[in-house]
Amino acid sequence: EARSVAEEIRRSAPPDLGVYATVGEAYEKHGDLGEALRWTNLGVQRLGGAGLEGADHLAIDLILLTIVRRRIRRALSLPADPADRLAELALSGSHERRIDRP
């Protein structure tokens, strides 16, 4: 049943990138890395169609999506791509901010 719900979500093409990260993460937690990667890739493709309109609202979802996608790709032993490098930058930046806080 969960797969049919996921398919309904995919067909509705939600504009919220967090949906793709959440579904991808759910598949990842259940060990279906191929489907997890498919969902995070759908989110990255969706971003490409969104352009830069509302970029401020997309930033956090994009960071979440690329971090989840990077983790899945690493588990599948896939080489880093530009989206993975974006996730690495986000992760290294969050680490630096934590160190800089008093």
PDB file of N, CA and C in Angstrom:
ATOM      1  N   GLU A   1       0.811  -1.193   0.000  1.00  0.00           N
ATOM      2  CA  GLU A   1       0.000   0.000   0.000  1.00  0.00           C
ATOM      3  C   GLU A   1       0.859   1.263   0.000  1.00  0.00           C
ATOM      4  N   ALA A   2       1.985   1.234   0.705  1.00  0.00           N
ATOM      5  CA  ALA A   2       2.860   2.405   0.752  1.00  0.00           C
ATOM      6  C   ALA A   2       3.372   2.760  -0.640  1.00  0.00           C
ATOM      7  N   ARG A   3       3.648   1.737  -1.443  1.00  0.00           N
ATOM      8  CA  ARG A   3       4.120   2.003  -2.812  1.00  0.00           C
ATOM      9  C   ARG A   3       3.042   2.670  -3.654  1.00  0.00           C
ATOM     10  N   SER A   4       1.792   2.282  -3.461  1.00  0.00           N
ATOM     11  CA  SER A   4       0.720   2.907  -4.239  1.00  0.00           C
ATOM     12  C   SER A   4       0.524   4.360  -3.808  1.00  0.00           C
ATOM     13  N   VAL A   5       0.689   4.635  -2.523  1.00  0.00           N
ATOM     14  CA  VAL A   5       0.609   6.022  -2.047  1.00  0.00           C
ATOM     15  C   VAL A   5       1.768   6.834  -2.632  1.00  0.00           C
ATOM     16  N   ALA A   6       2.961   6.255  -2.631  1.00  0.00           N
ATOM     17  CA  ALA A   6       4.119   6.948  -3.213  1.00  0.00           C
ATOM     18  C   ALA A   6       3.892   7.224  -4.691  1.00  0.00           C
ATOM     19  N   GLU A   7       3.307   6.279  -5.398  1.00  0.00           N
ATOM     20  CA  GLU A   7       3.034   6.474  -6.829  1.00  0.00           C
ATOM     21  C   GLU A   7       2.011   7.590  -7.030  1.00  0.00           C
ATOM     22  N   GLU A   8       1.010   7.670  -6.180  1.00  0.00           N
ATOM     23  CA  GLU A   8       0.036   8.771  -6.265  1.00  0.00           C
ATOM     24  C   GLU A   8       0.725  10.115  -6.039  1.00  0.00           C
ATOM     25  N   ILE A   9       1.635  10.149  -5.075  1.00  0.00           N
ATOM     26  CA  ILE A   9       2.389  11.376  -4.815  1.00  0.00           C
ATOM     27  C   ILE A   9       3.208  11.751  -6.052  1.00  0.00           C
ATOM     28  N   ARG A  10       3.878  10.768  -6.644  1.00  0.00           N
ATOM     29  CA  ARG A  10       4.705  11.036  -7.829  1.00  0.00           C
ATOM     30  C   ARG A  10       3.859  11.600  -8.960  1.00  0.00           C
ATOM     31  N   ARG A  11       2.690  11.002  -9.196  1.00  0.00           N
ATOM     32  CA  ARG A  11       1.814  11.466 -10.281  1.00  0.00           C
ATOM     33  C   ARG A  11       1.313  12.881 -10.048  1.00  0.00           C
ATOM     34  N   SER A  12       1.148  13.260  -8.787  1.00  0.00           N
ATOM     35  CA  SER A  12       0.660  14.610  -8.487  1.00  0.00           C
ATOM     36  C   SER A  12       1.753  15.667  -8.655  1.00  0.00           C
ATOM     37  N   ALA A  13       3.009  15.237  -8.780  1.00  0.00           N
ATOM     38  CA  ALA A  13       4.160  16.132  -8.988  1.00  0.00           C
ATOM     39  C   ALA A  13       4.155  17.309  -8.016  1.00  0.00           C
ATOM     40  N   PRO A  14       4.261  17.026  -6.713  1.00  0.00           N
ATOM     41  CA  PRO A  14       4.214  18.118  -5.742  1.00  0.00           C
ATOM     42  C   PRO A  14       5.379  19.093  -5.927  1.00  0.00           C
ATOM     43  N   PRO A  15       5.107  20.385  -5.746  1.00  0.00           N
ATOM     44  CA  PRO A  15       6.174  21.375  -5.895  1.00  0.00           C
ATOM     45  C   PRO A  15       7.114  21.419  -4.690  1.00  0.00           C
ATOM     46  N   ASP A  16       6.700  20.847  -3.566  1.00  0.00           N
ATOM     47  CA  ASP A  16       7.481  20.866  -2.326  1.00  0.00           C
ATOM     48  C   ASP A  16       8.601  19.820  -2.406  1.00  0.00           C
ATOM     49  N   LEU A  17       9.848  20.290  -2.478  1.00  0.00           N
ATOM     50  CA  LEU A  17      10.982  19.373  -2.588  1.00  0.00           C
ATOM     51  C   LEU A  17      11.134  18.487  -1.356  1.00  0.00           C
ATOM     52  N   GLY A  18      10.636  18.945  -0.231  1.00  0.00           N
ATOM     53  CA  GLY A  18      10.707  18.143   0.985  1.00  0.00           C
ATOM     54  C   GLY A  18       9.964  16.828   0.869  1.00  0.00           C
ATOM     55  N   VAL A  19       8.921  16.802   0.049  1.00  0.00           N
ATOM     56  CA  VAL A  19       8.163  15.565  -0.170  1.00  0.00           C
ATOM     57  C   VAL A  19       9.070  14.506  -0.789  1.00  0.00           C
ATOM     58  N   TYR A  20       9.855  14.909  -1.779  1.00  0.00           N
ATOM     59  CA  TYR A  20      10.747  13.964  -2.459  1.00  0.00           C
ATOM     60  C   TYR A  20      11.826  13.455  -1.504  1.00  0.00           C
ATOM     61  N   ALA A  21      12.356  14.346  -0.662  1.00  0.00           N
ATOM     62  CA  ALA A  21      13.356  13.939   0.319  1.00  0.00           C
ATOM     63  C   ALA A  21      12.754  12.976   1.334  1.00  0.00           C
ATOM     64  N   THR A  22      11.543  13.260   1.783  1.00  0.00           N
ATOM     65  CA  THR A  22      10.887  12.416   2.785  1.00  0.00           C
ATOM     66  C   THR A  22      10.597  11.026   2.245  1.00  0.00           C
ATOM     67  N   VAL A  23      10.048  10.954   1.042  1.00  0.00           N
ATOM     68  CA  VAL A  23       9.753   9.644   0.440  1.00  0.00           C
ATOM     69  C   VAL A  23      11.059   8.895   0.170  1.00  0.00           C
ATOM     70  N   GLY A  24      12.062   9.605  -0.341  1.00  0.00           N
ATOM     71  CA  GLY A  24      13.362   8.979  -0.582  1.00  0.00           C
ATOM     72  C   GLY A  24      13.963   8.422   0.692  1.00  0.00           C
ATOM     73  N   GLU A  25      13.857   9.192   1.766  1.00  0.00           N
ATOM     74  CA  GLU A  25      14.383   8.741   3.049  1.00  0.00           C
ATOM     75  C   GLU A  25      13.631   7.520   3.572  1.00  0.00           C
ATOM     76  N   ALA A  26      12.326   7.485   3.366  1.00  0.00           N
ATOM     77  CA  ALA A  26      11.536   6.328   3.798  1.00  0.00           C
ATOM     78  C   ALA A  26      11.995   5.066   3.070  1.00  0.00           C
ATOM     79  N   TYR A  27      12.202   5.179   1.748  1.00  0.00           N
ATOM     80  CA  TYR A  27      12.699   4.021   0.993  1.00  0.00           C
ATOM     81  C   TYR A  27      14.103   3.634   1.466  1.00  0.00           C
ATOM     82  N   GLU A  28      14.924   4.635   1.753  1.00  0.00           N
ATOM     83  CA  GLU A  28      16.283   4.363   2.222  1.00  0.00           C
ATOM     84  C   GLU A  28      16.237   3.573   3.533  1.00  0.00           C
ATOM     85  N   LYS A  29      15.397   3.985   4.451  1.00  0.00           N
ATOM     86  CA  LYS A  29      15.300   3.313   5.746  1.00  0.00           C
ATOM     87  C   LYS A  29      14.812   1.877   5.625  1.00  0.00           C
ATOM     88  N   HIS A  30      14.071   1.599   4.545  1.00  0.00           N
ATOM     89  CA  HIS A  30      13.588   0.232   4.315  1.00  0.00           C
ATOM     90  C   HIS A  30      14.528  -0.569   3.415  1.00  0.00           C
ATOM     91  N   GLY A  31      15.695   0.010   3.118  1.00  0.00           N
ATOM     92  CA  GLY A  31      16.709  -0.721   2.370  1.00  0.00           C
ATOM     93  C   GLY A  31      16.531  -0.737   0.869  1.00  0.00           C
ATOM     94  N   ASP A  32      15.577   0.015   0.335  1.00  0.00           N
ATOM     95  CA  ASP A  32      15.368   0.065  -1.109  1.00  0.00           C
ATOM     96  C   ASP A  32      16.086   1.297  -1.664  1.00  0.00           C
ATOM     97  N   LEU A  33      17.410   1.184  -1.776  1.00  0.00           N
ATOM     98  CA  LEU A  33      18.220   2.332  -2.178  1.00  0.00           C
ATOM     99  C   LEU A  33      17.952   2.768  -3.606  1.00  0.00           C
ATOM    100  N   GLY A  34      17.623   1.836  -4.480  1.00  0.00           N
ATOM    101  CA  GLY A  34      17.314   2.191  -5.867  1.00  0.00           C
ATOM    102  C   GLY A  34      16.105   3.099  -5.952  1.00  0.00           C
ATOM    103  N   GLU A  35      15.065   2.754  -5.232  1.00  0.00           N
ATOM    104  CA  GLU A  35      13.849   3.579  -5.230  1.00  0.00           C
ATOM    105  C   GLU A  35      14.096   4.885  -4.480  1.00  0.00           C
ATOM    106  N   ALA A  36      14.909   4.823  -3.430  1.00  0.00           N
ATOM    107  CA  ALA A  36      15.258   6.041  -2.689  1.00  0.00           C
ATOM    108  C   ALA A  36      15.978   7.035  -3.601  1.00  0.00           C
ATOM    109  N   LEU A  37      16.917   6.525  -4.383  1.00  0.00           N
ATOM    110  CA  LEU A  37      17.642   7.392  -5.316  1.00  0.00           C
ATOM    111  C   LEU A  37      16.704   7.950  -6.373  1.00  0.00           C
ATOM    112  N   ARG A  38      15.789   7.135  -6.858  1.00  0.00           N
ATOM    113  CA  ARG A  38      14.815   7.589  -7.857  1.00  0.00           C
ATOM    114  C   ARG A  38      14.033   8.790  -7.327  1.00  0.00           C
ATOM    115  N   TRP A  39      13.584   8.712  -6.084  1.00  0.00           N
ATOM    116  CA  TRP A  39      12.794   9.795  -5.512  1.00  0.00           C
ATOM    117  C   TRP A  39      13.605  11.059  -5.315  1.00  0.00           C
ATOM    118  N   THR A  40      14.834  10.920  -4.846  1.00  0.00           N
ATOM    119  CA  THR A  40      15.649  12.130  -4.670  1.00  0.00           C
ATOM    120  C   THR A  40      16.019  12.724  -6.019  1.00  0.00           C
ATOM    121  N   ASN A  41      16.223  11.885  -7.015  1.00  0.00           N
ATOM    122  CA  ASN A  41      16.474  12.397  -8.370  1.00  0.00           C
ATOM    123  C   ASN A  41      15.249  13.133  -8.910  1.00  0.00           C
ATOM    124  N   LEU A  42      14.057  12.611  -8.636  1.00  0.00           N
ATOM    125  CA  LEU A  42      12.833  13.305  -9.062  1.00  0.00           C
ATOM    126  C   LEU A  42      12.769  14.700  -8.453  1.00  0.00           C
ATOM    127  N   GLY A  43      13.156  14.821  -7.188  1.00  0.00           N
ATOM    128  CA  GLY A  43      13.159  16.121  -6.536  1.00  0.00           C
ATOM    129  C   GLY A  43      14.151  17.078  -7.164  1.00  0.00           C
ATOM    130  N   VAL A  44      15.344  16.578  -7.480  1.00  0.00           N
ATOM    131  CA  VAL A  44      16.352  17.418  -8.132  1.00  0.00           C
ATOM    132  C   VAL A  44      15.852  17.851  -9.509  1.00  0.00           C
ATOM    133  N   GLN A  45      15.231  16.936 -10.246  1.00  0.00           N
ATOM    134  CA  GLN A  45      14.663  17.289 -11.562  1.00  0.00           C
ATOM    135  C   GLN A  45      13.544  18.305 -11.407  1.00  0.00           C
ATOM    136  N   ARG A  46      12.741  18.165 -10.378  1.00  0.00           N
ATOM    137  CA  ARG A  46      11.641  19.102 -10.129  1.00  0.00           C
ATOM    138  C   ARG A  46      12.196  20.501  -9.887  1.00  0.00           C
ATOM    139  N   LEU A  47      13.293  20.584  -9.180  1.00  0.00           N
ATOM    140  CA  LEU A  47      13.918  21.878  -8.931  1.00  0.00           C
ATOM    141  C   LEU A  47      14.333  22.517 -10.242  1.00  0.00           C
ATOM    142  N   GLY A  48      14.887  21.723 -11.151  1.00  0.00           N
ATOM    143  CA  GLY A  48      15.300  22.249 -12.443  1.00  0.00           C
ATOM    144  C   GLY A  48      14.153  22.893 -13.191  1.00  0.00           C
ATOM    145  N   GLY A  49      12.951  22.372 -13.048  1.00  0.00           N
ATOM    146  CA  GLY A  49      11.781  22.941 -13.707  1.00  0.00           C
ATOM    147  C   GLY A  49      11.227  24.153 -12.986  1.00  0.00           C
ATOM    148  N   ALA A  50      11.627  24.344 -11.719  1.00  0.00           N
ATOM    149  CA  ALA A  50      11.083  25.448 -10.929  1.00  0.00           C
ATOM    150  C   ALA A  50      11.782  26.764 -11.211  1.00  0.00           C
ATOM    151  N   GLY A  51      12.982  26.705 -11.793  1.00  0.00           N
ATOM    152  CA  GLY A  51      13.728  27.930 -12.024  1.00  0.00           C
ATOM    153  C   GLY A  51      14.113  28.558 -10.692  1.00  0.00           C
ATOM    154  N   LEU A  52      14.331  29.850 -10.692  1.00  0.00           N
ATOM    155  CA  LEU A  52      14.747  30.524  -9.474  1.00  0.00           C
ATOM    156  C   LEU A  52      13.604  31.246  -8.774  1.00  0.00           C
ATOM    157  N   GLU A  53      12.389  31.139  -9.300  1.00  0.00           N
ATOM    158  CA  GLU A  53      11.239  31.739  -8.630  1.00  0.00           C
ATOM    159  C   GLU A  53      11.068  31.107  -7.256  1.00  0.00           C
ATOM    160  N   GLY A  54      10.949  31.927  -6.248  1.00  0.00           N
ATOM    161  CA  GLY A  54      10.758  31.416  -4.893  1.00  0.00           C
ATOM    162  C   GLY A  54      11.970  30.677  -4.361  1.00  0.00           C
ATOM    163  N   ALA A  55      13.163  31.041  -4.827  1.00  0.00           N
ATOM    164  CA  ALA A  55      14.383  30.331  -4.441  1.00  0.00           C
ATOM    165  C   ALA A  55      14.600  30.329  -2.934  1.00  0.00           C
ATOM    166  N   ASP A  56      14.194  31.401  -2.258  1.00  0.00           N
ATOM    167  CA  ASP A  56      14.371  31.443  -0.798  1.00  0.00           C
ATOM    168  C   ASP A  56      13.604  30.314  -0.125  1.00  0.00           C
ATOM    169  N   HIS A  57      12.409  30.031  -0.604  1.00  0.00           N
ATOM    170  CA  HIS A  57      11.588  28.978  -0.008  1.00  0.00           C
ATOM    171  C   HIS A  57      12.115  27.586  -0.359  1.00  0.00           C
ATOM    172  N   LEU A  58      12.821  27.487  -1.461  1.00  0.00           N
ATOM    173  CA  LEU A  58      13.319  26.180  -1.897  1.00  0.00           C
ATOM    174  C   LEU A  58      14.651  25.808  -1.267  1.00  0.00           C
ATOM    175  N   ALA A  59      15.372  26.775  -0.729  1.00  0.00           N
ATOM    176  CA  ALA A  59      16.741  26.531  -0.282  1.00  0.00           C
ATOM    177  C   ALA A  59      16.849  25.423   0.752  1.00  0.00           C
ATOM    178  N   ILE A  60      16.041  25.460   1.790  1.00  0.00           N
ATOM    179  CA  ILE A  60      16.140  24.447   2.845  1.00  0.00           C
ATOM    180  C   ILE A  60      15.746  23.078   2.314  1.00  0.00           C
ATOM    181  N   ASP A  61      14.674  23.020   1.511  1.00  0.00           N
ATOM    182  CA  ASP A  61      14.258  21.740   0.936  1.00  0.00           C
ATOM    183  C   ASP A  61      15.324  21.192   0.002  1.00  0.00           C
ATOM    184  N   LEU A  62      15.964  22.074  -0.760  1.00  0.00           N
ATOM    185  CA  LEU A  62      17.027  21.631  -1.668  1.00  0.00           C
ATOM    186  C   LEU A  62      18.193  21.058  -0.879  1.00  0.00           C
ATOM    187  N   ILE A  63      18.576  21.722   0.192  1.00  0.00           N
ATOM    188  CA  ILE A  63      19.684  21.226   1.011  1.00  0.00           C
ATOM    189  C   ILE A  63      19.337  19.853   1.587  1.00  0.00           C
ATOM    190  N   LEU A  64      18.146  19.727   2.143  1.00  0.00           N
ATOM    191  CA  LEU A  64      17.714  18.437   2.688  1.00  0.00           C
ATOM    192  C   LEU A  64      17.716  17.359   1.606  1.00  0.00           C
ATOM    193  N   LEU A  65      17.149  17.688   0.463  1.00  0.00           N
ATOM    194  CA  LEU A  65      17.057  16.730  -0.634  1.00  0.00           C
ATOM    195  C   LEU A  65      18.437  16.269  -1.085  1.00  0.00           C
ATOM    196  N   THR A  66      19.363  17.207  -1.267  1.00  0.00           N
ATOM    197  CA  THR A  66      20.690  16.813  -1.747  1.00  0.00           C
ATOM    198  C   THR A  66      21.463  16.023  -0.696  1.00  0.00           C
ATOM    199  N   ILE A  67      21.254  16.324   0.583  1.00  0.00           N
ATOM    200  CA  ILE A  67      21.944  15.564   1.632  1.00  0.00           C
ATOM    201  C   ILE A  67      21.434  14.125   1.678  1.00  0.00           C
ATOM    202  N   VAL A  68      20.122  13.954   1.621  1.00  0.00           N
ATOM    203  CA  VAL A  68      19.548  12.597   1.610  1.00  0.00           C
ATOM    204  C   VAL A  68      20.026  11.852   0.365  1.00  0.00           C
ATOM    205  N   ARG A  69      19.970  12.529  -0.788  1.00  0.00           N
ATOM    206  CA  ARG A  69      20.380  11.910  -2.058  1.00  0.00           C
ATOM    207  C   ARG A  69      21.848  11.505  -2.003  1.00  0.00           C
ATOM    208  N   ARG A  70      22.711  12.364  -1.453  1.00  0.00           N
ATOM    209  CA  ARG A  70      24.143  12.067  -1.355  1.00  0.00           C
ATOM    210  C   ARG A  70      24.366  10.817  -0.502  1.00  0.00           C
ATOM    211  N   ARG A  71      23.663  10.740   0.612  1.00  0.00           N
ATOM    212  CA  ARG A  71      23.804   9.577   1.500  1.00  0.00           C
ATOM    213  C   ARG A  71      23.412   8.290   0.773  1.00  0.00           C
ATOM    214  N   ILE A  72      22.334   8.343   0.003  1.00  0.00           N
ATOM    215  CA  ILE A  72      21.875   7.174  -0.755  1.00  0.00           C
ATOM    216  C   ILE A  72      22.887   6.814  -1.835  1.00  0.00           C
ATOM    217  N   ARG A  73      23.364   7.814  -2.570  1.00  0.00           N
ATOM    218  CA  ARG A  73      24.341   7.552  -3.633  1.00  0.00           C
ATOM    219  C   ARG A  73      25.627   6.951  -3.064  1.00  0.00           C
ATOM    220  N   ARG A  74      26.043   7.425  -1.900  1.00  0.00           N
ATOM    221  CA  ARG A  74      27.248   6.863  -1.278  1.00  0.00           C
ATOM    222  C   ARG A  74      27.022   5.407  -0.887  1.00  0.00           C
ATOM    223  N   ALA A  75      25.832   5.104  -0.375  1.00  0.00           N
ATOM    224  CA  ALA A  75      25.513   3.719   0.002  1.00  0.00           C
ATOM    225  C   ALA A  75      25.506   2.810  -1.221  1.00  0.00           C
ATOM    226  N   LEU A  76      25.174   3.379  -2.391  1.00  0.00           N
ATOM    227  CA  LEU A  76      25.177   2.623  -3.647  1.00  0.00           C
ATOM    228  C   LEU A  76      26.548   2.647  -4.333  1.00  0.00           C
ATOM    229  N   SER A  77      27.539   3.274  -3.693  1.00  0.00           N
ATOM    230  CA  SER A  77      28.910   3.407  -4.220  1.00  0.00           C
ATOM    231  C   SER A  77      28.952   4.128  -5.565  1.00  0.00           C
ATOM    232  N   LEU A  78      28.093   5.120  -5.729  1.00  0.00           N
ATOM    233  CA  LEU A  78      28.085   5.914  -6.958  1.00  0.00           C
ATOM    234  C   LEU A  78      29.049   7.087  -6.804  1.00  0.00           C
ATOM    235  N   PRO A  79      29.683   7.510  -7.893  1.00  0.00           N
ATOM    236  CA  PRO A  79      30.611   8.646  -7.800  1.00  0.00           C
ATOM    237  C   PRO A  79      29.848   9.947  -7.539  1.00  0.00           C
ATOM    238  N   ALA A  80      30.535  10.874  -6.914  1.00  0.00           N
ATOM    239  CA  ALA A  80      29.925  12.178  -6.611  1.00  0.00           C
ATOM    240  C   ALA A  80      29.594  12.909  -7.906  1.00  0.00           C
ATOM    241  N   ASP A  81      28.460  13.606  -7.879  1.00  0.00           N
ATOM    242  CA  ASP A  81      28.062  14.452  -9.001  1.00  0.00           C
ATOM    243  C   ASP A  81      27.866  15.865  -8.459  1.00  0.00           C
ATOM    244  N   PRO A  82      27.474  16.825  -9.304  1.00  0.00           N
ATOM    245  CA  PRO A  82      27.336  18.204  -8.810  1.00  0.00           C
ATOM    246  C   PRO A  82      26.359  18.355  -7.639  1.00  0.00           C
ATOM    247  N   ALA A  83      25.264  17.623  -7.633  1.00  0.00           N
ATOM    248  CA  ALA A  83      24.312  17.713  -6.516  1.00  0.00           C
ATOM    249  C   ALA A  83      24.943  17.172  -5.232  1.00  0.00           C
ATOM    250  N   ASP A  84      25.760  16.127  -5.349  1.00  0.00           N
ATOM    251  CA  ASP A  84      26.457  15.592  -4.169  1.00  0.00           C
ATOM    252  C   ASP A  84      27.437  16.629  -3.624  1.00  0.00           C
ATOM    253  N   ARG A  85      28.108  17.331  -4.506  1.00  0.00           N
ATOM    254  CA  ARG A  85      29.055  18.350  -4.062  1.00  0.00           C
ATOM    255  C   ARG A  85      28.325  19.505  -3.364  1.00  0.00           C
ATOM    256  N   LEU A  86      27.121  19.824  -3.834  1.00  0.00           N
ATOM    257  CA  LEU A  86      26.309  20.841  -3.163  1.00  0.00           C
ATOM    258  C   LEU A  86      25.973  20.390  -1.741  1.00  0.00           C
ATOM    259  N   ALA A  87      25.618  19.129  -1.585  1.00  0.00           N
ATOM    260  CA  ALA A  87      25.323  18.586  -0.258  1.00  0.00           C
ATOM    261  C   ALA A  87      26.561  18.652   0.636  1.00  0.00           C
ATOM    262  N   GLU A  88      27.714  18.322   0.077  1.00  0.00           N
ATOM    263  CA  GLU A  88      28.952  18.375   0.850  1.00  0.00           C
ATOM    264  C   GLU A  88      29.239  19.797   1.319  1.00  0.00           C
ATOM    265  N   LEU A  89      28.992  20.772   0.453  1.00  0.00           N
ATOM    266  CA  LEU A  89      29.175  22.169   0.845  1.00  0.00           C
ATOM    267  C   LEU A  89      28.222  22.551   1.967  1.00  0.00           C
ATOM    268  N   ALA A  90      26.979  22.132   1.853  1.00  0.00           N
ATOM    269  CA  ALA A  90      25.990  22.437   2.891  1.00  0.00           C
ATOM    270  C   ALA A  90      26.397  21.804   4.218  1.00  0.00           C
ATOM    271  N   LEU A  91      26.852  20.568   4.171  1.00  0.00           N
ATOM    272  CA  LEU A  91      27.254  19.883   5.398  1.00  0.00           C
ATOM    273  C   LEU A  91      28.494  20.520   6.014  1.00  0.00           C
ATOM    274  N   SER A  92      29.456  20.882   5.201  1.00  0.00           N
ATOM    275  CA  SER A  92      30.667  21.502   5.746  1.00  0.00           C
ATOM    276  C   SER A  92      30.351  22.892   6.288  1.00  0.00           C
ATOM    277  N   GLY A  93      29.435  23.606   5.663  1.00  0.00           N
ATOM    278  CA  GLY A  93      29.039  24.927   6.143  1.00  0.00           C
ATOM    279  C   GLY A  93      28.318  24.854   7.466  1.00  0.00           C
ATOM    280  N   SER A  94      27.452  23.849   7.640  1.00  0.00           N
ATOM    281  CA  SER A  94      26.729  23.731   8.913  1.00  0.00           C
ATOM    282  C   SER A  94      27.693  23.361  10.028  1.00  0.00           C
ATOM    283  N   HIS A  95      28.711  22.573   9.717  1.00  0.00           N
ATOM    284  CA  HIS A  95      29.716  22.198  10.706  1.00  0.00           C
ATOM    285  C   HIS A  95      30.502  23.435  11.137  1.00  0.00           C
ATOM    286  N   GLU A  96      30.884  24.272  10.177  1.00  0.00           N
ATOM    287  CA  GLU A  96      31.644  25.474  10.489  1.00  0.00           C
ATOM    288  C   GLU A  96      30.817  26.421  11.346  1.00  0.00           C
ATOM    289  N   ARG A  97      29.532  26.563  11.044  1.00  0.00           N
ATOM    290  CA  ARG A  97      28.681  27.462  11.826  1.00  0.00           C
ATOM    291  C   ARG A  97      28.585  26.988  13.271  1.00  0.00           C
ATOM    292  N   ARG A  98      28.517  25.694  13.484  1.00  0.00           N
ATOM    293  CA  ARG A  98      28.427  25.183  14.848  1.00  0.00           C
ATOM    294  C   ARG A  98      29.709  25.495  15.616  1.00  0.00           C
ATOM    295  N   ILE A  99      30.842  25.399  14.962  1.00  0.00           N
ATOM    296  CA  ILE A  99      32.125  25.681  15.613  1.00  0.00           C
ATOM    297  C   ILE A  99      32.232  27.165  15.957  1.00  0.00           C
ATOM    298  N   ASP A 100      31.718  28.025  15.070  1.00  0.00           N
ATOM    299  CA  ASP A 100      31.837  29.471  15.273  1.00  0.00           C
ATOM    300  C   ASP A 100      30.907  30.014  16.346  1.00  0.00           C
ATOM    301  N   ARG A 101      29.900  29.281  16.719  1.00  0.00           N
ATOM    302  CA  ARG A 101      28.954  29.777  17.732  1.00  0.00           C
ATOM    303  C   ARG A 101      29.617  29.790  19.104  1.00  0.00           C
ATOM    304  N   PRO A 102      29.319  30.844  19.881  1.00  0.00           N
ATOM    305  CA  PRO A 102      29.917  30.904  21.244  1.00  0.00           C
ATOM    306  C   PRO A 102      29.273  29.888  22.168  1.00  0.00           C
TER     307      PRO A 102
END
